Amino acid sequence: MSGDAVPPVYREVVERGLWFEEFEPGTRYLHRPGRTVTEADNVLFTTLTMNTQALHLDAAWSATQPFGERLVNSMFTLATIVGASVAQLTQGTIVANLGFTEVVFPAPLFHGDTLYSETVVVETRPSASRPGQGIVTLRHTGRNQRGLEVAHATRSVLVWFREAGERQAAIADAATVAGAADEEANG
């Protein structure tokens, strides 16, 4: 085989999360790499979400408060620990995010801290009203570089069973190909 030759493709592998049947209660997933949080992350997220809390934005004022410095916006922390789980757990297999319970921030996160995320599968059950789909309860936890828990939340998601999800993926793929062909034809 020459140096420029591309070997034939024998199979394709698509990055995806887990089908309902693959979630096992009691399994813990460690989501890596961690995410070192910068001042820019915090200020951008805080202002983007219209949260004008001085504790996130005003360094001089925050220096006079109990923690002595600005805190990372807790909604950024929550979004990051959930976001870190997507590729490993729900990428392309989720139908809907159903909600959160028990959202807790036991310790602050500061600029320069590295956030490490993990998820434990708490419970699974088939949906009573949506054939081919099931409800998975997850507990997401975020820890800083010292192992101190800075956030946890329990989250319920609706995910596809494999057979129904693969059917849905085929429909989506066909629609994507058709849309691209229409776009190309219409210039």
Protein backbone atom coordinates (compact mmCIF):
# COMPACT_ATOMS: atom_id res chain seq x y z
CA MET A 1 0.00 0.00 0.00
CA SER A 2 1.45 3.37 -0.97
CA GLY A 3 1.87 6.14 1.59
CA ASP A 4 -1.06 8.14 0.16
CA ALA A 5 -3.51 5.28 -0.21
CA VAL A 6 -6.50 5.23 2.08
CA PRO A 7 -7.50 1.75 3.24
CA PRO A 8 -11.04 0.61 2.41
CA VAL A 9 -13.69 1.32 5.01
CA TYR A 10 -15.03 -1.91 6.52
CA ARG A 11 -17.33 -0.39 9.10
CA GLU A 12 -18.25 2.98 10.47
CA VAL A 13 -18.36 3.86 14.15
CA VAL A 14 -20.46 6.81 15.26
CA GLU A 15 -19.74 8.41 18.61
CA ARG A 16 -22.85 8.04 20.72
CA GLY A 17 -24.12 7.82 24.24
CA LEU A 18 -25.78 4.78 25.77
CA TRP A 19 -29.05 3.17 24.75
CA PHE A 20 -31.53 2.58 27.58
CA GLU A 21 -30.49 -1.08 27.85
CA GLU A 22 -26.85 -0.10 28.44
CA PHE A 23 -27.48 1.97 31.58
CA GLU A 24 -26.80 -0.10 34.71
CA PRO A 25 -27.83 1.26 38.12
CA GLY A 26 -24.80 1.59 40.37
CA THR A 27 -22.35 2.23 37.54
CA ARG A 28 -20.16 5.31 37.97
CA TYR A 29 -18.78 7.10 34.91
CA LEU A 30 -15.74 9.36 35.26
CA HIS A 31 -15.81 12.12 32.65
CA ARG A 32 -12.34 13.22 31.60
CA PRO A 33 -10.54 15.45 30.94
CA GLY A 34 -11.32 17.92 33.68
CA ARG A 35 -12.08 21.56 32.87
CA THR A 36 -9.96 24.35 34.34
CA VAL A 37 -12.28 27.32 34.80
CA THR A 38 -10.99 30.74 33.80
CA GLU A 39 -12.07 34.25 34.71
CA ALA A 40 -13.20 34.70 31.10
CA ASP A 41 -15.44 31.60 31.34
CA ASN A 42 -17.12 32.96 34.45
CA VAL A 43 -17.58 36.54 33.25
CA LEU A 44 -18.84 35.46 29.81
CA PHE A 45 -21.32 32.92 31.21
CA THR A 46 -22.51 35.30 33.92
CA THR A 47 -23.12 38.20 31.55
CA LEU A 48 -24.51 35.99 28.78
CA THR A 49 -27.18 34.75 31.19
CA MET A 50 -27.88 38.29 32.47
CA ASN A 51 -26.85 37.44 36.02
CA THR A 52 -25.50 40.71 37.40
CA GLN A 53 -24.52 39.26 40.78
CA ALA A 54 -21.47 41.19 42.00
CA LEU A 55 -20.15 38.01 43.63
CA HIS A 56 -19.30 36.79 40.10
CA LEU A 57 -18.28 40.09 38.48
CA ASP A 58 -16.88 42.61 40.97
CA ALA A 59 -13.43 41.63 42.27
CA ALA A 60 -13.11 44.54 44.71
CA TRP A 61 -16.52 43.99 46.29
CA SER A 62 -16.06 40.19 46.39
CA ALA A 63 -12.77 40.67 48.26
CA THR A 64 -14.81 42.10 51.16
CA GLN A 65 -17.16 39.09 51.28
CA PRO A 66 -16.75 35.83 53.27
CA PHE A 67 -14.91 33.92 50.51
CA GLY A 68 -12.57 36.85 49.79
CA GLU A 69 -12.78 36.56 46.01
CA ARG A 70 -15.22 36.11 43.13
CA LEU A 71 -17.04 32.79 42.88
CA VAL A 72 -17.68 30.90 39.67
CA ASN A 73 -21.37 31.15 38.77
CA SER A 74 -23.03 28.01 40.14
CA MET A 75 -25.11 27.60 36.98
CA PHE A 76 -21.85 27.41 35.00
CA THR A 77 -20.70 24.69 37.38
CA LEU A 78 -23.95 22.74 36.93
CA ALA A 79 -23.93 23.16 33.14
CA THR A 80 -20.31 22.00 32.95
CA ILE A 81 -20.74 18.85 35.04
CA VAL A 82 -23.79 17.85 33.00
CA GLY A 83 -22.12 18.85 29.72
CA ALA A 84 -19.07 16.72 30.52
CA SER A 85 -21.32 13.64 30.64
CA VAL A 86 -22.91 14.05 27.21
CA ALA A 87 -20.37 12.31 24.94
CA GLN A 88 -20.16 9.31 27.25
CA LEU A 89 -23.83 8.94 28.22
CA THR A 90 -26.44 10.70 26.08
CA GLN A 91 -24.91 11.89 22.78
CA GLY A 92 -27.50 11.03 20.12
CA THR A 93 -29.48 8.73 22.44
CA ILE A 94 -31.40 11.26 24.52
CA VAL A 95 -34.98 12.19 23.68
CA ALA A 96 -35.43 14.84 26.37
CA ASN A 97 -34.03 16.21 29.59
CA LEU A 98 -36.92 15.71 32.05
CA GLY A 99 -35.67 17.68 35.01
CA PHE A 100 -33.39 18.10 37.99
CA THR A 101 -33.90 17.49 41.69
CA GLU A 102 -31.59 17.97 44.64
CA VAL A 103 -29.29 20.55 43.06
CA VAL A 104 -26.67 21.36 45.72
CA PHE A 105 -23.48 23.45 45.78
CA PRO A 106 -21.68 22.42 49.01
CA ALA A 107 -18.50 24.40 48.27
CA PRO A 108 -17.58 27.23 45.89
CA LEU A 109 -15.60 26.94 42.69
CA PHE A 110 -13.00 29.65 42.01
CA HIS A 111 -11.18 30.95 38.92
CA GLY A 112 -8.29 28.59 38.22
CA ASP A 113 -9.95 25.54 39.79
CA THR A 114 -10.21 22.41 37.68
CA LEU A 115 -13.65 20.81 37.65
CA TYR A 116 -13.85 17.01 37.40
CA SER A 117 -17.21 15.40 36.73
CA GLU A 118 -18.68 11.99 37.40
CA THR A 119 -22.10 10.43 37.01
CA VAL A 120 -23.73 7.51 38.81
CA VAL A 121 -26.71 5.73 37.25
CA VAL A 122 -29.32 5.72 40.03
CA GLU A 123 -32.36 4.09 38.42
CA THR A 124 -33.79 2.98 35.08
CA ARG A 125 -37.35 2.20 34.05
CA PRO A 126 -39.18 1.87 30.76
CA SER A 127 -41.52 4.76 29.99
CA ALA A 128 -45.15 3.82 30.59
CA SER A 129 -46.39 6.31 27.99
CA ARG A 130 -43.65 6.35 25.34
CA PRO A 131 -42.90 2.97 23.74
CA GLY A 132 -39.27 2.52 22.75
CA GLN A 133 -38.08 4.98 25.37
CA GLY A 134 -37.04 4.77 29.00
CA ILE A 135 -36.35 7.05 31.94
CA VAL A 136 -32.87 7.08 33.44
CA THR A 137 -32.09 8.84 36.71
CA LEU A 138 -28.51 10.11 36.99
CA ARG A 139 -26.59 11.73 39.82
CA HIS A 140 -23.98 14.16 38.49
CA THR A 141 -21.18 15.27 40.82
CA GLY A 142 -18.47 17.88 40.31
CA ARG A 143 -15.24 18.01 42.33
CA ASN A 144 -12.35 20.43 42.24
CA GLN A 145 -8.69 19.46 41.80
CA ARG A 146 -8.43 18.66 45.52
CA GLY A 147 -11.37 16.23 45.36
CA LEU A 148 -13.71 18.60 47.21
CA GLU A 149 -17.32 18.28 46.04
CA VAL A 150 -18.51 21.59 44.61
CA ALA A 151 -21.84 20.48 43.13
CA HIS A 152 -24.20 17.59 42.70
CA ALA A 153 -27.59 17.18 41.06
CA THR A 154 -29.99 14.37 40.35
CA ARG A 155 -31.30 14.45 36.79
CA SER A 156 -33.88 12.41 34.89
CA VAL A 157 -33.56 11.91 31.14
CA LEU A 158 -35.67 10.16 28.54
CA VAL A 159 -33.52 7.95 26.29
CA TRP A 160 -34.10 5.62 23.38
CA PHE A 161 -34.10 1.84 23.57
CA ARG A 162 -31.59 0.60 20.99
CA GLU A 163 -34.05 -0.68 18.37
CA ALA A 164 -36.25 2.43 18.42
CA GLY A 165 -33.22 4.73 18.57
CA GLU A 166 -31.55 3.09 15.59
CA ARG A 167 -34.79 3.45 13.60
CA GLN A 168 -34.98 7.13 14.56
CA ALA A 169 -31.30 7.66 13.65
CA ALA A 170 -31.90 6.14 10.20
CA ILE A 171 -34.82 8.53 9.64
CA ALA A 172 -32.69 11.49 10.74
CA ASP A 173 -29.79 10.39 8.51
CA ALA A 174 -32.10 10.07 5.49
CA ALA A 175 -33.56 13.52 6.14
CA THR A 176 -30.08 15.01 6.46
CA VAL A 177 -28.94 13.46 3.16
CA ALA A 178 -32.15 14.60 1.42
CA GLY A 179 -31.76 18.12 2.81
CA ALA A 180 -28.16 18.31 1.63
CA ALA A 181 -29.18 17.11 -1.85
CA ASP A 182 -31.96 19.73 -2.02
CA GLU A 183 -29.56 22.44 -0.93
CA GLU A 184 -27.01 21.40 -3.55
CA ALA A 185 -29.65 21.26 -6.30
CA ASN A 186 -31.00 24.70 -5.39
CA GLY A 187 -27.52 26.19 -5.11
